Protein backbone atom coordinates (compact mmCIF):
# COMPACT_ATOMS: atom_id res chain seq x y z
CA MET A 1 -12.52 46.72 -40.42
CA ALA A 2 -9.16 47.54 -41.90
CA SER A 3 -6.46 47.89 -39.33
CA GLY A 4 -2.74 48.34 -38.76
CA PRO A 5 -0.01 50.52 -40.24
CA PHE A 6 -1.25 50.49 -43.82
CA GLY A 7 1.52 52.48 -45.42
CA ARG A 8 4.30 50.03 -44.69
CA LEU A 9 4.55 46.84 -46.75
CA LEU A 10 6.46 44.07 -45.03
CA GLY A 11 7.99 41.10 -46.82
CA ALA A 12 5.68 38.22 -47.68
CA GLY A 13 8.49 35.76 -46.96
CA GLY A 14 8.86 32.06 -47.38
CA ARG A 15 8.62 31.51 -51.11
CA ALA A 16 11.03 29.10 -52.82
CA LEU A 17 10.94 28.43 -56.55
CA THR A 18 12.04 25.34 -58.42
CA GLY A 19 13.64 25.42 -61.84
CA GLN A 20 10.15 24.88 -63.28
CA GLY A 21 8.82 28.01 -61.60
CA LEU A 22 6.72 26.08 -59.11
CA THR A 23 6.33 27.21 -55.52
CA VAL A 24 7.56 24.65 -53.03
CA ARG A 25 6.47 24.80 -49.39
CA SER A 26 7.50 22.65 -46.50
CA PRO A 27 4.40 20.53 -45.75
CA LEU A 28 4.97 20.62 -41.99
CA PRO A 29 7.00 22.83 -39.62
CA GLU A 30 10.08 21.31 -38.07
CA PRO A 31 9.28 20.16 -34.51
CA THR A 32 10.60 22.32 -31.65
CA GLU A 33 10.39 22.20 -27.87
CA SER A 34 8.24 25.35 -27.85
CA PRO A 35 4.49 25.30 -28.55
CA LEU A 36 3.76 26.17 -32.17
CA ALA A 37 1.66 29.26 -32.88
CA LEU A 38 0.48 29.88 -36.44
CA VAL A 39 -0.34 33.39 -37.63
CA TYR A 40 -2.23 33.88 -40.88
CA ARG A 41 -0.55 36.19 -43.40
CA GLY A 42 -2.13 36.62 -46.81
CA PRO A 43 -4.86 38.40 -48.78
CA ALA A 44 -7.35 38.29 -45.89
CA THR A 45 -5.22 40.67 -43.85
CA LEU A 46 -3.18 43.85 -44.32
CA PRO A 47 0.56 44.55 -44.05
CA GLY A 48 1.69 45.01 -40.47
CA CYS A 49 -1.25 43.22 -38.85
CA PRO A 50 0.19 39.65 -38.86
CA GLU A 51 3.57 40.96 -37.74
CA ALA A 52 2.05 42.78 -34.76
CA VAL A 53 0.18 39.65 -33.68
CA ALA A 54 3.34 37.56 -34.09
CA ALA A 55 5.31 40.02 -31.95
CA LEU A 56 2.65 39.89 -29.22
CA LEU A 57 2.74 36.09 -29.18
CA LYS A 58 6.54 36.04 -29.09
CA SER A 59 6.58 38.46 -26.15
CA SER A 60 4.23 36.32 -24.06
CA ARG A 61 5.52 33.96 -21.40
CA TRP A 62 4.69 30.91 -23.53
CA GLY A 63 7.81 31.10 -25.68
CA PHE A 64 5.85 30.25 -28.81
CA ASP A 65 7.55 29.12 -31.97
CA VAL A 66 5.64 31.53 -34.22
CA ARG A 67 5.23 30.71 -37.92
CA TYR A 68 3.22 32.39 -40.66
CA VAL A 69 0.73 30.42 -42.74
CA GLY A 70 -0.89 31.51 -45.98
CA PRO A 71 -0.85 31.14 -49.75
CA ASP A 72 2.60 32.76 -50.15
CA GLU A 73 4.23 31.40 -46.99
CA ASP A 74 6.46 28.38 -46.41
CA LEU A 75 3.57 26.76 -44.55
CA PRO A 76 0.09 26.55 -46.07
CA LEU A 77 -3.03 26.91 -43.95
CA SER A 78 -4.05 23.25 -43.96
CA ARG A 79 -5.41 20.53 -41.73
CA ARG A 80 -1.99 18.87 -41.46
CA VAL A 81 -0.18 22.05 -40.46
CA LEU A 82 -2.88 23.00 -37.95
CA ALA A 83 -2.66 19.53 -36.38
CA GLY A 84 0.83 20.32 -35.10
CA ALA A 85 -0.05 23.71 -33.61
CA ALA A 86 -1.16 24.80 -30.16
CA LEU A 87 -2.69 28.06 -31.38
CA TYR A 88 -3.91 29.68 -34.60
CA ALA A 89 -4.17 33.48 -34.78
CA GLN A 90 -6.26 35.44 -37.28
CA PRO A 91 -5.09 39.09 -37.45
CA GLY A 92 -6.94 42.23 -38.45
CA GLY A 93 -7.43 43.06 -42.10
CA GLY A 94 -9.86 44.53 -44.60
CA SER A 95 -13.59 43.96 -44.85
CA LEU A 96 -15.36 40.90 -43.47
CA LYS A 97 -16.84 40.07 -46.87
CA ARG A 98 -13.44 40.10 -48.58
CA GLY A 99 -11.69 38.31 -45.73
CA TYR A 100 -14.22 35.49 -45.60
CA ARG A 101 -14.10 35.09 -49.36
CA HIS A 102 -10.41 34.24 -49.08
CA LEU A 103 -10.78 31.99 -46.02
CA LYS A 104 -14.14 30.24 -46.32
CA GLY A 105 -12.45 27.19 -47.82
CA HIS A 106 -10.60 26.74 -44.50
CA ARG A 107 -13.70 27.02 -42.29
CA ASP A 108 -14.05 23.31 -41.55
CA GLU A 109 -10.30 22.88 -40.99
CA ILE A 110 -10.23 25.68 -38.43
CA ARG A 111 -13.39 24.44 -36.68
CA GLN A 112 -11.97 20.92 -36.41
CA PHE A 113 -8.66 22.27 -35.10
CA VAL A 114 -10.38 24.14 -32.27
CA HIS A 115 -12.92 21.42 -31.53
CA SER A 116 -10.06 18.94 -31.13
CA GLY A 117 -8.30 21.09 -28.52
CA GLY A 118 -6.60 23.88 -30.45
CA ARG A 119 -6.74 27.56 -29.56
CA TYR A 120 -8.03 30.33 -31.84
CA LEU A 121 -7.17 34.00 -31.39
CA GLY A 122 -9.03 36.60 -33.44
CA PHE A 123 -8.10 40.29 -33.54
CA CYS A 124 -10.61 42.75 -35.09
CA LEU A 125 -11.33 41.09 -38.46
CA GLY A 126 -10.21 37.83 -36.89
CA GLY A 127 -12.89 38.44 -34.26
CA TYR A 128 -15.53 39.04 -36.91
CA LEU A 129 -14.44 35.82 -38.64
CA ALA A 130 -15.01 33.85 -35.43
CA GLY A 131 -18.71 34.65 -35.87
CA ALA A 132 -21.18 32.99 -38.19
CA THR A 133 -22.64 35.62 -40.54
CA PRO A 134 -20.32 35.04 -42.30
CA GLY A 135 -17.48 33.33 -40.51
CA PHE A 136 -16.07 30.15 -38.99
CA ALA A 137 -18.95 29.77 -36.46
CA LEU A 138 -16.61 29.36 -33.48
CA LEU A 139 -18.70 31.32 -30.97
CA PRO A 140 -21.85 30.46 -28.99
CA GLY A 141 -23.36 33.58 -30.52
CA ASP A 142 -22.15 36.01 -33.16
CA THR A 143 -20.49 39.35 -33.86
CA ASP A 144 -21.64 42.74 -35.10
CA GLN A 145 -20.21 46.16 -35.84
CA TYR A 146 -19.56 48.13 -32.66
CA ILE A 147 -19.92 51.53 -34.32
CA ALA A 148 -23.47 50.55 -35.37
CA SER A 149 -24.49 49.40 -31.87
CA PHE A 150 -26.78 51.42 -29.60
CA ALA A 151 -25.01 54.29 -27.82
CA ALA A 152 -21.62 53.34 -29.28
CA SER A 153 -18.81 55.65 -28.18
CA VAL A 154 -17.25 55.55 -31.68
CA ASP A 155 -19.25 56.24 -34.83
CA SER A 156 -16.58 56.32 -37.55
CA GLU A 157 -14.67 53.66 -39.49
CA LYS A 158 -11.50 55.77 -39.27
CA ASN A 159 -8.51 54.80 -37.14
CA THR A 160 -9.06 56.01 -33.60
CA VAL A 161 -8.96 54.83 -30.00
CA VAL A 162 -11.71 53.36 -27.86
CA GLN A 163 -12.25 53.37 -24.13
CA LEU A 164 -13.17 50.08 -22.52
CA SER A 165 -13.30 48.31 -19.19
CA TRP A 166 -10.83 45.39 -19.07
CA ARG A 167 -11.40 43.24 -15.98
CA GLY A 168 -12.90 46.28 -14.32
CA ARG A 169 -10.07 48.68 -15.19
CA ARG A 170 -10.50 51.52 -17.66
CA ARG A 171 -8.14 51.25 -20.63
CA THR A 172 -7.69 52.80 -24.08
CA LEU A 173 -6.84 50.76 -27.17
CA PHE A 174 -6.29 51.37 -30.88
CA PHE A 175 -9.56 50.79 -32.75
CA GLN A 176 -10.69 50.63 -36.35
CA ASP A 177 -14.27 49.44 -36.98
CA GLY A 178 -13.88 46.41 -34.74
CA PRO A 179 -16.66 44.06 -33.67
CA TYR A 180 -18.59 43.53 -30.51
CA PHE A 181 -19.62 40.03 -29.51
CA TRP A 182 -22.93 38.69 -28.28
CA LEU A 183 -23.84 35.38 -26.71
CA ARG A 184 -26.89 33.21 -27.03
CA ALA A 185 -29.08 32.89 -23.93
CA GLY A 186 -27.32 30.74 -21.36
CA ALA A 187 -23.95 30.75 -23.14
CA ASP A 188 -22.45 33.30 -20.78
CA ALA A 189 -21.94 30.57 -18.19
CA ASP A 190 -19.11 29.14 -20.30
CA ALA A 191 -17.67 32.49 -21.41
CA ASP A 192 -14.91 34.50 -19.77
CA ILE A 193 -15.76 38.12 -20.59
CA LEU A 194 -12.54 40.10 -20.34
CA ALA A 195 -13.62 43.53 -21.56
CA THR A 196 -16.67 45.60 -22.39
CA TYR A 197 -17.19 48.79 -24.38
CA PRO A 198 -18.79 51.84 -22.67
CA ASN A 199 -22.25 50.77 -23.87
CA GLY A 200 -21.90 47.38 -22.15
CA THR A 201 -21.33 45.26 -25.25
CA ILE A 202 -18.55 42.68 -25.18
CA ALA A 203 -15.16 43.86 -26.49
CA ALA A 204 -13.06 40.80 -25.61
CA MET A 205 -13.87 37.30 -24.41
CA VAL A 206 -12.79 33.68 -24.36
CA THR A 207 -15.24 30.80 -24.89
CA ARG A 208 -15.05 27.06 -25.37
CA LEU A 209 -15.65 25.04 -28.52
CA GLY A 210 -15.41 21.32 -27.97
CA ALA A 211 -12.05 20.61 -26.32
CA GLY A 212 -10.57 23.95 -27.47
CA ARG A 213 -10.88 27.63 -26.68
CA VAL A 214 -11.63 30.72 -28.75
CA GLY A 215 -10.33 34.16 -27.78
CA VAL A 216 -11.58 37.26 -29.60
CA VAL A 217 -11.05 40.99 -29.24
CA GLY A 218 -12.55 43.91 -31.16
CA PRO A 219 -9.90 46.60 -30.53
CA HIS A 220 -6.14 46.07 -31.00
CA PRO A 221 -4.09 45.23 -27.89
CA GLU A 222 -1.29 44.20 -30.27
CA ALA A 223 -0.99 47.71 -31.76
CA THR A 224 2.46 49.29 -31.50
CA ASP A 225 3.21 53.00 -31.25
CA ASP A 226 3.82 53.31 -35.00
CA TRP A 227 0.17 52.40 -35.64
CA PHE A 228 -0.86 55.56 -33.81
CA ILE A 229 1.80 57.63 -35.54
CA ASP A 230 0.88 56.34 -39.02
CA ALA A 231 -2.74 57.25 -38.29
CA GLY A 232 -1.76 60.78 -37.25
CA MET A 233 -2.51 60.13 -33.59
CA ARG A 234 -0.37 60.60 -30.53
CA ALA A 235 1.02 57.29 -29.32
CA ALA A 236 -0.81 56.04 -26.25
CA ASP A 237 1.01 56.50 -22.97
CA ARG A 238 0.36 52.84 -22.17
CA LEU A 239 -0.04 50.41 -25.00
CA GLY A 240 -2.12 47.27 -24.70
CA ALA A 241 0.44 44.45 -24.78
CA ASP A 242 -0.40 43.49 -21.19
CA LEU A 243 -4.04 43.10 -22.19
CA GLY A 244 -3.01 41.03 -25.19
CA HIS A 245 -0.98 38.82 -22.88
CA ASP A 246 -4.03 38.45 -20.62
CA LEU A 247 -6.05 37.31 -23.64
CA ILE A 248 -3.35 34.80 -24.56
CA GLU A 249 -3.12 33.47 -20.99
CA THR A 250 -6.88 33.03 -20.83
CA VAL A 251 -7.23 31.25 -24.15
CA MET A 252 -4.32 28.91 -23.30
CA ARG A 253 -5.84 27.70 -20.05
CA PRO A 254 -6.57 23.95 -19.89
């Protein structure tokens, strides 16, 4: 479930120290006219993954004010900070077990945020974490490992690409042991299924939770050409930013 350009470490950012050696963080972001989007950056992700998600959000038509949240950021991941946001994004990262270990203390905060009208976006590991075994239990169903599903077109945890059908059009996206999503009986009536893998399992969808929406995707529409290059692959002729924007538009609907 690891993902992104692993060899490049980007700055953690946002740390200010007092004379006593204590970390001081602004408790709340300064208000702006743009909707606030929070992107997790910390030990439950990998270098490059939060930055790619932030770039995708910034390039969308919403004009988000994008801020990072996490244990070493100016803004902590907390109920108060989430209350001022329109959207919270959980990027790709390492294993589900490790990721949830770092984030399980925020499960109720994230659930309340979405249930009260917030939007959740989960990419790869962030998609796994939207599930329940383990995870934040944001979906009317759960997640599982695509490479272990019946007749999966990819059978390796290595960085690769995956073919999928996005709103009926065949596309190729960067992929690294991402999830597929399944819905409980009857839950598909309230789900917007955006993409499926070749074996028919769900690759991307948006569902409701209370007054909010949850968007999840197994592959990486946010991947930039350097992800392919760092993995020794030829950069895709057409990257997936337009699909990422479609996911954002769908999750932001009223």
